[in-house]
Amino acid sequence: MTSHVATLSPKGQITIPGQLRDALGIAAGDRVELQVLRDGTVLLRPITTTLDELFGSMPYDGPARSIAEINAGIAEAAAEAGSAGRDPA
């Protein structure tokens, strides 16, 4: 395990060293969870967004579609992706 040192700013902020950000896969603007354990150890882990959290985040104002229309649209998009040399998955 590699140890890193950070200094607390007057505003109570720390800068997470670049190597640690890279290892966690986080960047500016990402949310992280901080948890203090009984022994004083602080856990920091990235917060990942789930599909459940995204549900409903993009409003749809168009007409309601039937299952058959939705399936036809999916088939059409898959065919277009295939003809463009892309994997539709």
PDB file of N, CA and C in Angstrom:
ATOM      1  N   MET A   1       0.848  -1.174   0.000  1.00  0.00           N
ATOM      2  CA  MET A   1       0.000   0.000   0.000  1.00  0.00           C
ATOM      3  C   MET A   1       0.895   1.239   0.000  1.00  0.00           C
ATOM      4  N   THR A   2       0.554   2.207  -0.833  1.00  0.00           N
ATOM      5  CA  THR A   2       1.305   3.449  -0.921  1.00  0.00           C
ATOM      6  C   THR A   2       0.634   4.496  -0.053  1.00  0.00           C
ATOM      7  N   SER A   3       1.429   5.256   0.676  1.00  0.00           N
ATOM      8  CA  SER A   3       0.903   6.304   1.538  1.00  0.00           C
ATOM      9  C   SER A   3       1.080   7.655   0.860  1.00  0.00           C
ATOM     10  N   HIS A   4       0.097   8.527   1.019  1.00  0.00           N
ATOM     11  CA  HIS A   4       0.151   9.876   0.465  1.00  0.00           C
ATOM     12  C   HIS A   4      -0.136  10.864   1.589  1.00  0.00           C
ATOM     13  N   VAL A   5       0.445  12.042   1.491  1.00  0.00           N
ATOM     14  CA  VAL A   5       0.221  13.085   2.484  1.00  0.00           C
ATOM     15  C   VAL A   5      -0.460  14.257   1.801  1.00  0.00           C
ATOM     16  N   ALA A   6      -1.484  14.800   2.448  1.00  0.00           N
ATOM     17  CA  ALA A   6      -2.177  15.979   1.937  1.00  0.00           C
ATOM     18  C   ALA A   6      -2.301  16.978   3.084  1.00  0.00           C
ATOM     19  N   THR A   7      -2.359  18.254   2.749  1.00  0.00           N
ATOM     20  CA  THR A   7      -2.471  19.310   3.751  1.00  0.00           C
ATOM     21  C   THR A   7      -3.874  19.897   3.725  1.00  0.00           C
ATOM     22  N   LEU A   8      -4.448  20.081   4.886  1.00  0.00           N
ATOM     23  CA  LEU A   8      -5.779  20.658   5.017  1.00  0.00           C
ATOM     24  C   LEU A   8      -5.699  22.168   4.801  1.00  0.00           C
ATOM     25  N   SER A   9      -6.525  22.686   3.895  1.00  0.00           N
ATOM     26  CA  SER A   9      -6.535  24.128   3.614  1.00  0.00           C
ATOM     27  C   SER A   9      -7.326  24.862   4.697  1.00  0.00           C
ATOM     28  N   PRO A  10      -7.202  26.189   4.747  1.00  0.00           N
ATOM     29  CA  PRO A  10      -7.991  26.959   5.721  1.00  0.00           C
ATOM     30  C   PRO A  10      -9.503  26.753   5.559  1.00  0.00           C
ATOM     31  N   LYS A  11      -9.946  26.354   4.366  1.00  0.00           N
ATOM     32  CA  LYS A  11     -11.369  26.103   4.128  1.00  0.00           C
ATOM     33  C   LYS A  11     -11.761  24.664   4.465  1.00  0.00           C
ATOM     34  N   GLY A  12     -10.826  23.872   5.001  1.00  0.00           N
ATOM     35  CA  GLY A  12     -11.129  22.489   5.349  1.00  0.00           C
ATOM     36  C   GLY A  12     -11.058  21.542   4.171  1.00  0.00           C
ATOM     37  N   GLN A  13     -10.384  21.940   3.104  1.00  0.00           N
ATOM     38  CA  GLN A  13     -10.294  21.122   1.897  1.00  0.00           C
ATOM     39  C   GLN A  13      -8.920  20.473   1.791  1.00  0.00           C
ATOM     40  N   ILE A  14      -8.894  19.309   1.134  1.00  0.00           N
ATOM     41  CA  ILE A  14      -7.625  18.667   0.805  1.00  0.00           C
ATOM     42  C   ILE A  14      -7.611  18.387  -0.695  1.00  0.00           C
ATOM     43  N   THR A  15      -6.428  18.328  -1.245  1.00  0.00           N
ATOM     44  CA  THR A  15      -6.267  17.916  -2.635  1.00  0.00           C
ATOM     45  C   THR A  15      -5.850  16.457  -2.627  1.00  0.00           C
ATOM     46  N   ILE A  16      -6.618  15.631  -3.308  1.00  0.00           N
ATOM     47  CA  ILE A  16      -6.284  14.210  -3.405  1.00  0.00           C
ATOM     48  C   ILE A  16      -5.182  14.084  -4.450  1.00  0.00           C
ATOM     49  N   PRO A  17      -4.031  13.514  -4.074  1.00  0.00           N
ATOM     50  CA  PRO A  17      -2.924  13.402  -5.026  1.00  0.00           C
ATOM     51  C   PRO A  17      -3.331  12.694  -6.321  1.00  0.00           C
ATOM     52  N   GLY A  18      -2.711  13.101  -7.418  1.00  0.00           N
ATOM     53  CA  GLY A  18      -3.034  12.579  -8.742  1.00  0.00           C
ATOM     54  C   GLY A  18      -2.964  11.066  -8.839  1.00  0.00           C
ATOM     55  N   GLN A  19      -1.925  10.459  -8.253  1.00  0.00           N
ATOM     56  CA  GLN A  19      -1.798   8.996  -8.312  1.00  0.00           C
ATOM     57  C   GLN A  19      -2.992   8.318  -7.645  1.00  0.00           C
ATOM     58  N   LEU A  20      -3.460   8.901  -6.562  1.00  0.00           N
ATOM     59  CA  LEU A  20      -4.603   8.342  -5.844  1.00  0.00           C
ATOM     60  C   LEU A  20      -5.884   8.537  -6.648  1.00  0.00           C
ATOM     61  N   ARG A  21      -6.055   9.727  -7.263  1.00  0.00           N
ATOM     62  CA  ARG A  21      -7.229   9.967  -8.117  1.00  0.00           C
ATOM     63  C   ARG A  21      -7.246   8.982  -9.276  1.00  0.00           C
ATOM     64  N   ASP A  22      -6.085   8.775  -9.885  1.00  0.00           N
ATOM     65  CA  ASP A  22      -5.993   7.823 -11.001  1.00  0.00           C
ATOM     66  C   ASP A  22      -6.349   6.410 -10.547  1.00  0.00           C
ATOM     67  N   ALA A  23      -5.831   6.005  -9.391  1.00  0.00           N
ATOM     68  CA  ALA A  23      -6.094   4.656  -8.879  1.00  0.00           C
ATOM     69  C   ALA A  23      -7.580   4.455  -8.579  1.00  0.00           C
ATOM     70  N   LEU A  24      -8.253   5.524  -8.146  1.00  0.00           N
ATOM     71  CA  LEU A  24      -9.684   5.443  -7.831  1.00  0.00           C
ATOM     72  C   LEU A  24     -10.557   5.686  -9.049  1.00  0.00           C
ATOM     73  N   GLY A  25      -9.948   6.182 -10.130  1.00  0.00           N
ATOM     74  CA  GLY A  25     -10.717   6.478 -11.333  1.00  0.00           C
ATOM     75  C   GLY A  25     -11.630   7.678 -11.159  1.00  0.00           C
ATOM     76  N   ILE A  26     -11.181   8.667 -10.378  1.00  0.00           N
ATOM     77  CA  ILE A  26     -12.003   9.855 -10.142  1.00  0.00           C
ATOM     78  C   ILE A  26     -11.341  11.085 -10.747  1.00  0.00           C
ATOM     79  N   ALA A  27     -12.169  12.085 -11.020  1.00  0.00           N
ATOM     80  CA  ALA A  27     -11.684  13.337 -11.603  1.00  0.00           C
ATOM     81  C   ALA A  27     -12.462  14.490 -10.976  1.00  0.00           C
ATOM     82  N   ALA A  28     -12.064  15.703 -11.311  1.00  0.00           N
ATOM     83  CA  ALA A  28     -12.730  16.896 -10.786  1.00  0.00           C
ATOM     84  C   ALA A  28     -14.232  16.811 -11.036  1.00  0.00           C
ATOM     85  N   GLY A  29     -15.009  17.115 -10.017  1.00  0.00           N
ATOM     86  CA  GLY A  29     -16.462  17.092 -10.136  1.00  0.00           C
ATOM     87  C   GLY A  29     -17.101  15.774  -9.744  1.00  0.00           C
ATOM     88  N   ASP A  30     -16.302  14.695  -9.660  1.00  0.00           N
ATOM     89  CA  ASP A  30     -16.851  13.402  -9.245  1.00  0.00           C
ATOM     90  C   ASP A  30     -17.205  13.443  -7.758  1.00  0.00           C
ATOM     91  N   ARG A  31     -18.188  12.645  -7.384  1.00  0.00           N
ATOM     92  CA  ARG A  31     -18.580  12.556  -5.986  1.00  0.00           C
ATOM     93  C   ARG A  31     -17.900  11.356  -5.347  1.00  0.00           C
ATOM     94  N   VAL A  32     -17.495  11.531  -4.082  1.00  0.00           N
ATOM     95  CA  VAL A  32     -16.881  10.444  -3.320  1.00  0.00           C
ATOM     96  C   VAL A  32     -17.585  10.330  -1.976  1.00  0.00           C
ATOM     97  N   GLU A  33     -17.544   9.143  -1.424  1.00  0.00           N
ATOM     98  CA  GLU A  33     -18.096   8.895  -0.091  1.00  0.00           C
ATOM     99  C   GLU A  33     -16.936   8.824   0.888  1.00  0.00           C
ATOM    100  N   LEU A  34     -17.070   9.500   2.014  1.00  0.00           N
ATOM    101  CA  LEU A  34     -16.069   9.447   3.077  1.00  0.00           C
ATOM    102  C   LEU A  34     -16.710   8.794   4.291  1.00  0.00           C
ATOM    103  N   GLN A  35     -15.989   7.861   4.891  1.00  0.00           N
ATOM    104  CA  GLN A  35     -16.518   7.146   6.050  1.00  0.00           C
ATOM    105  C   GLN A  35     -15.408   7.035   7.083  1.00  0.00           C
ATOM    106  N   VAL A  36     -15.699   7.409   8.328  1.00  0.00           N
ATOM    107  CA  VAL A  36     -14.717   7.311   9.406  1.00  0.00           C
ATOM    108  C   VAL A  36     -14.994   6.032  10.191  1.00  0.00           C
ATOM    109  N   LEU A  37     -13.976   5.173  10.273  1.00  0.00           N
ATOM    110  CA  LEU A  37     -14.092   3.921  11.018  1.00  0.00           C
ATOM    111  C   LEU A  37     -13.793   4.163  12.496  1.00  0.00           C
ATOM    112  N   ARG A  38     -14.101   3.189  13.324  1.00  0.00           N
ATOM    113  CA  ARG A  38     -13.908   3.327  14.779  1.00  0.00           C
ATOM    114  C   ARG A  38     -12.473   3.665  15.154  1.00  0.00           C
ATOM    115  N   ASP A  39     -11.525   3.122  14.402  1.00  0.00           N
ATOM    116  CA  ASP A  39     -10.119   3.357  14.734  1.00  0.00           C
ATOM    117  C   ASP A  39      -9.590   4.677  14.162  1.00  0.00           C
ATOM    118  N   GLY A  40     -10.468   5.485  13.552  1.00  0.00           N
ATOM    119  CA  GLY A  40     -10.058   6.770  12.992  1.00  0.00           C
ATOM    120  C   GLY A  40      -9.643   6.703  11.536  1.00  0.00           C
ATOM    121  N   THR A  41      -9.602   5.510  10.980  1.00  0.00           N
ATOM    122  CA  THR A  41      -9.280   5.358   9.565  1.00  0.00           C
ATOM    123  C   THR A  41     -10.395   5.971   8.729  1.00  0.00           C
ATOM    124  N   VAL A  42     -10.012   6.694   7.698  1.00  0.00           N
ATOM    125  CA  VAL A  42     -11.002   7.296   6.802  1.00  0.00           C
ATOM    126  C   VAL A  42     -11.007   6.514   5.496  1.00  0.00           C
ATOM    127  N   LEU A  43     -12.185   6.037   5.110  1.00  0.00           N
ATOM    128  CA  LEU A  43     -12.358   5.368   3.821  1.00  0.00           C
ATOM    129  C   LEU A  43     -12.873   6.390   2.824  1.00  0.00           C
ATOM    130  N   LEU A  44     -12.323   6.386   1.641  1.00  0.00           N
ATOM    131  CA  LEU A  44     -12.787   7.253   0.564  1.00  0.00           C
ATOM    132  C   LEU A  44     -13.058   6.356  -0.624  1.00  0.00           C
ATOM    133  N   ARG A  45     -14.277   6.407  -1.135  1.00  0.00           N
ATOM    134  CA  ARG A  45     -14.585   5.583  -2.303  1.00  0.00           C
ATOM    135  C   ARG A  45     -15.442   6.387  -3.266  1.00  0.00           C
ATOM    136  N   PRO A  46     -15.232   6.159  -4.569  1.00  0.00           N
ATOM    137  CA  PRO A  46     -16.030   6.877  -5.567  1.00  0.00           C
ATOM    138  C   PRO A  46     -17.492   6.461  -5.492  1.00  0.00           C
ATOM    139  N   ILE A  47     -18.373   7.409  -5.755  1.00  0.00           N
ATOM    140  CA  ILE A  47     -19.801   7.119  -5.844  1.00  0.00           C
ATOM    141  C   ILE A  47     -20.119   6.911  -7.315  1.00  0.00           C
ATOM    142  N   THR A  48     -20.622   5.734  -7.631  1.00  0.00           N
ATOM    143  CA  THR A  48     -20.986   5.445  -9.013  1.00  0.00           C
ATOM    144  C   THR A  48     -22.494   5.556  -9.157  1.00  0.00           C
ATOM    145  N   THR A  49     -22.926   6.066 -10.275  1.00  0.00           N
ATOM    146  CA  THR A  49     -24.348   6.233 -10.548  1.00  0.00           C
ATOM    147  C   THR A  49     -24.895   4.942 -11.142  1.00  0.00           C
ATOM    148  N   THR A  50     -26.012   4.488 -10.595  1.00  0.00           N
ATOM    149  CA  THR A  50     -26.639   3.270 -11.102  1.00  0.00           C
ATOM    150  C   THR A  50     -27.727   3.626 -12.108  1.00  0.00           C
ATOM    151  N   LEU A  51     -28.142   2.653 -12.885  1.00  0.00           N
ATOM    152  CA  LEU A  51     -29.232   2.878 -13.834  1.00  0.00           C
ATOM    153  C   LEU A  51     -30.515   3.272 -13.112  1.00  0.00           C
ATOM    154  N   ASP A  52     -30.731   2.709 -11.927  1.00  0.00           N
ATOM    155  CA  ASP A  52     -31.923   3.067 -11.152  1.00  0.00           C
ATOM    156  C   ASP A  52     -31.926   4.554 -10.807  1.00  0.00           C
ATOM    157  N   GLU A  53     -30.744   5.102 -10.506  1.00  0.00           N
ATOM    158  CA  GLU A  53     -30.649   6.521 -10.177  1.00  0.00           C
ATOM    159  C   GLU A  53     -30.886   7.396 -11.403  1.00  0.00           C
ATOM    160  N   LEU A  54     -30.542   6.885 -12.579  1.00  0.00           N
ATOM    161  CA  LEU A  54     -30.726   7.648 -13.809  1.00  0.00           C
ATOM    162  C   LEU A  54     -32.151   7.585 -14.340  1.00  0.00           C
ATOM    163  N   PHE A  55     -32.908   6.587 -13.903  1.00  0.00           N
ATOM    164  CA  PHE A  55     -34.261   6.394 -14.420  1.00  0.00           C
ATOM    165  C   PHE A  55     -35.080   7.665 -14.251  1.00  0.00           C
ATOM    166  N   GLY A  56     -35.657   8.113 -15.339  1.00  0.00           N
ATOM    167  CA  GLY A  56     -36.495   9.304 -15.304  1.00  0.00           C
ATOM    168  C   GLY A  56     -35.735  10.609 -15.366  1.00  0.00           C
ATOM    169  N   SER A  57     -34.414  10.560 -15.468  1.00  0.00           N
ATOM    170  CA  SER A  57     -33.634  11.798 -15.481  1.00  0.00           C
ATOM    171  C   SER A  57     -33.665  12.490 -16.838  1.00  0.00           C
ATOM    172  N   MET A  58     -34.090  11.785 -17.872  1.00  0.00           N
ATOM    173  CA  MET A  58     -34.191  12.375 -19.200  1.00  0.00           C
ATOM    174  C   MET A  58     -35.652  12.321 -19.628  1.00  0.00           C
ATOM    175  N   PRO A  59     -36.334  13.442 -19.524  1.00  0.00           N
ATOM    176  CA  PRO A  59     -37.765  13.433 -19.840  1.00  0.00           C
ATOM    177  C   PRO A  59     -38.035  13.136 -21.308  1.00  0.00           C
ATOM    178  N   TYR A  60     -39.156  12.492 -21.563  1.00  0.00           N
ATOM    179  CA  TYR A  60     -39.596  12.186 -22.929  1.00  0.00           C
ATOM    180  C   TYR A  60     -40.949  12.843 -23.132  1.00  0.00           C
ATOM    181  N   ASP A  61     -41.020  13.767 -24.087  1.00  0.00           N
ATOM    182  CA  ASP A  61     -42.255  14.506 -24.333  1.00  0.00           C
ATOM    183  C   ASP A  61     -43.005  14.009 -25.559  1.00  0.00           C
ATOM    184  N   GLY A  62     -42.494  12.976 -26.211  1.00  0.00           N
ATOM    185  CA  GLY A  62     -43.119  12.473 -27.433  1.00  0.00           C
ATOM    186  C   GLY A  62     -44.334  11.612 -27.138  1.00  0.00           C
ATOM    187  N   PRO A  63     -44.933  11.089 -28.190  1.00  0.00           N
ATOM    188  CA  PRO A  63     -46.112  10.242 -28.018  1.00  0.00           C
ATOM    189  C   PRO A  63     -45.731   8.894 -27.401  1.00  0.00           C
ATOM    190  N   ALA A  64     -46.690   8.278 -26.724  1.00  0.00           N
ATOM    191  CA  ALA A  64     -46.468   6.952 -26.156  1.00  0.00           C
ATOM    192  C   ALA A  64     -46.236   5.956 -27.286  1.00  0.00           C
ATOM    193  N   ARG A  65     -45.348   4.995 -27.064  1.00  0.00           N
ATOM    194  CA  ARG A  65     -45.026   3.981 -28.069  1.00  0.00           C
ATOM    195  C   ARG A  65     -45.445   2.610 -27.559  1.00  0.00           C
ATOM    196  N   SER A  66     -45.896   1.766 -28.491  1.00  0.00           N
ATOM    197  CA  SER A  66     -46.237   0.388 -28.131  1.00  0.00           C
ATOM    198  C   SER A  66     -44.951  -0.430 -28.067  1.00  0.00           C
ATOM    199  N   ILE A  67     -45.034  -1.600 -27.469  1.00  0.00           N
ATOM    200  CA  ILE A  67     -43.880  -2.503 -27.409  1.00  0.00           C
ATOM    201  C   ILE A  67     -43.409  -2.840 -28.818  1.00  0.00           C
ATOM    202  N   ALA A  68     -44.324  -3.063 -29.739  1.00  0.00           N
ATOM    203  CA  ALA A  68     -43.962  -3.383 -31.126  1.00  0.00           C
ATOM    204  C   ALA A  68     -43.191  -2.225 -31.757  1.00  0.00           C
ATOM    205  N   GLU A  69     -43.623  -0.992 -31.508  1.00  0.00           N
ATOM    206  CA  GLU A  69     -42.913   0.170 -32.060  1.00  0.00           C
ATOM    207  C   GLU A  69     -41.525   0.316 -31.446  1.00  0.00           C
ATOM    208  N   ILE A  70     -41.422   0.074 -30.147  1.00  0.00           N
ATOM    209  CA  ILE A  70     -40.121   0.145 -29.475  1.00  0.00           C
ATOM    210  C   ILE A  70     -39.185  -0.914 -30.038  1.00  0.00           C
ATOM    211  N   ASN A  71     -39.674  -2.154 -30.176  1.00  0.00           N
ATOM    212  CA  ASN A  71     -38.846  -3.233 -30.726  1.00  0.00           C
ATOM    213  C   ASN A  71     -38.420  -2.937 -32.157  1.00  0.00           C
ATOM    214  N   ALA A  72     -39.313  -2.353 -32.956  1.00  0.00           N
ATOM    215  CA  ALA A  72     -38.965  -1.994 -34.336  1.00  0.00           C
ATOM    216  C   ALA A  72     -37.872  -0.930 -34.342  1.00  0.00           C
ATOM    217  N   GLY A  73     -37.954   0.031 -33.442  1.00  0.00           N
ATOM    218  CA  GLY A  73     -36.926   1.066 -33.344  1.00  0.00           C
ATOM    219  C   GLY A  73     -35.581   0.501 -32.942  1.00  0.00           C
ATOM    220  N   ILE A  74     -35.595  -0.451 -32.019  1.00  0.00           N
ATOM    221  CA  ILE A  74     -34.353  -1.105 -31.595  1.00  0.00           C
ATOM    222  C   ILE A  74     -33.744  -1.872 -32.760  1.00  0.00           C
ATOM    223  N   ALA A  75     -34.568  -2.620 -33.496  1.00  0.00           N
ATOM    224  CA  ALA A  75     -34.081  -3.390 -34.647  1.00  0.00           C
ATOM    225  C   ALA A  75     -33.502  -2.461 -35.706  1.00  0.00           C
ATOM    226  N   GLU A  76     -34.157  -1.340 -35.938  1.00  0.00           N
ATOM    227  CA  GLU A  76     -33.672  -0.377 -36.932  1.00  0.00           C
ATOM    228  C   GLU A  76     -32.323   0.208 -36.510  1.00  0.00           C
ATOM    229  N   ALA A  77     -32.193   0.581 -35.242  1.00  0.00           N
ATOM    230  CA  ALA A  77     -30.927   1.133 -34.752  1.00  0.00           C
ATOM    231  C   ALA A  77     -29.814   0.095 -34.825  1.00  0.00           C
ATOM    232  N   ALA A  78     -30.133  -1.167 -34.507  1.00  0.00           N
ATOM    233  CA  ALA A  78     -29.135  -2.234 -34.582  1.00  0.00           C
ATOM    234  C   ALA A  78     -28.689  -2.452 -36.021  1.00  0.00           C
ATOM    235  N   ALA A  79     -29.631  -2.397 -36.962  1.00  0.00           N
ATOM    236  CA  ALA A  79     -29.290  -2.573 -38.381  1.00  0.00           C
ATOM    237  C   ALA A  79     -28.410  -1.431 -38.862  1.00  0.00           C
ATOM    238  N   GLU A  80     -28.735  -0.208 -38.446  1.00  0.00           N
ATOM    239  CA  GLU A  80     -27.917   0.944 -38.835  1.00  0.00           C
ATOM    240  C   GLU A  80     -26.515   0.839 -38.253  1.00  0.00           C
ATOM    241  N   ALA A  81     -26.414   0.409 -37.003  1.00  0.00           N
ATOM    242  CA  ALA A  81     -25.104   0.257 -36.377  1.00  0.00           C
ATOM    243  C   ALA A  81     -24.299  -0.816 -37.093  1.00  0.00           C
ATOM    244  N   GLY A  82     -24.963  -1.904 -37.479  1.00  0.00           N
ATOM    245  CA  GLY A  82     -24.278  -2.980 -38.198  1.00  0.00           C
ATOM    246  C   GLY A  82     -23.803  -2.536 -39.562  1.00  0.00           C
ATOM    247  N   SER A  83     -24.606  -1.738 -40.253  1.00  0.00           N
ATOM    248  CA  SER A  83     -24.213  -1.286 -41.590  1.00  0.00           C
ATOM    249  C   SER A  83     -23.101  -0.253 -41.531  1.00  0.00           C
ATOM    250  N   ALA A  84     -22.922   0.362 -40.367  1.00  0.00           N
ATOM    251  CA  ALA A  84     -21.846   1.342 -40.208  1.00  0.00           C
ATOM    252  C   ALA A  84     -20.566   0.669 -39.726  1.00  0.00           C
ATOM    253  N   GLY A  85     -20.593  -0.665 -39.622  1.00  0.00           N
ATOM    254  CA  GLY A  85     -19.408  -1.404 -39.200  1.00  0.00           C
ATOM    255  C   GLY A  85     -19.209  -1.407 -37.700  1.00  0.00           C
ATOM    256  N   ARG A  86     -20.238  -1.034 -36.956  1.00  0.00           N
ATOM    257  CA  ARG A  86     -20.131  -1.020 -35.502  1.00  0.00           C
ATOM    258  C   ARG A  86     -20.869  -2.208 -34.929  1.00  0.00           C
ATOM    259  N   ASP A  87     -20.419  -2.634 -33.765  1.00  0.00           N
ATOM    260  CA  ASP A  87     -21.107  -3.693 -33.039  1.00  0.00           C
ATOM    261  C   ASP A  87     -22.328  -3.075 -32.377  1.00  0.00           C
ATOM    262  N   PRO A  88     -23.548  -3.551 -32.642  1.00  0.00           N
ATOM    263  CA  PRO A  88     -24.739  -2.929 -32.080  1.00  0.00           C
ATOM    264  C   PRO A  88     -24.875  -3.108 -30.576  1.00  0.00           C
ATOM    265  N   ALA A  89     -24.066  -3.949 -29.973  1.00  0.00           N
ATOM    266  CA  ALA A  89     -24.185  -4.188 -28.528  1.00  0.00           C
ATOM    267  C   ALA A  89     -23.587  -3.078 -27.727  1.00  0.00           C
TER     268      ALA A  89
END
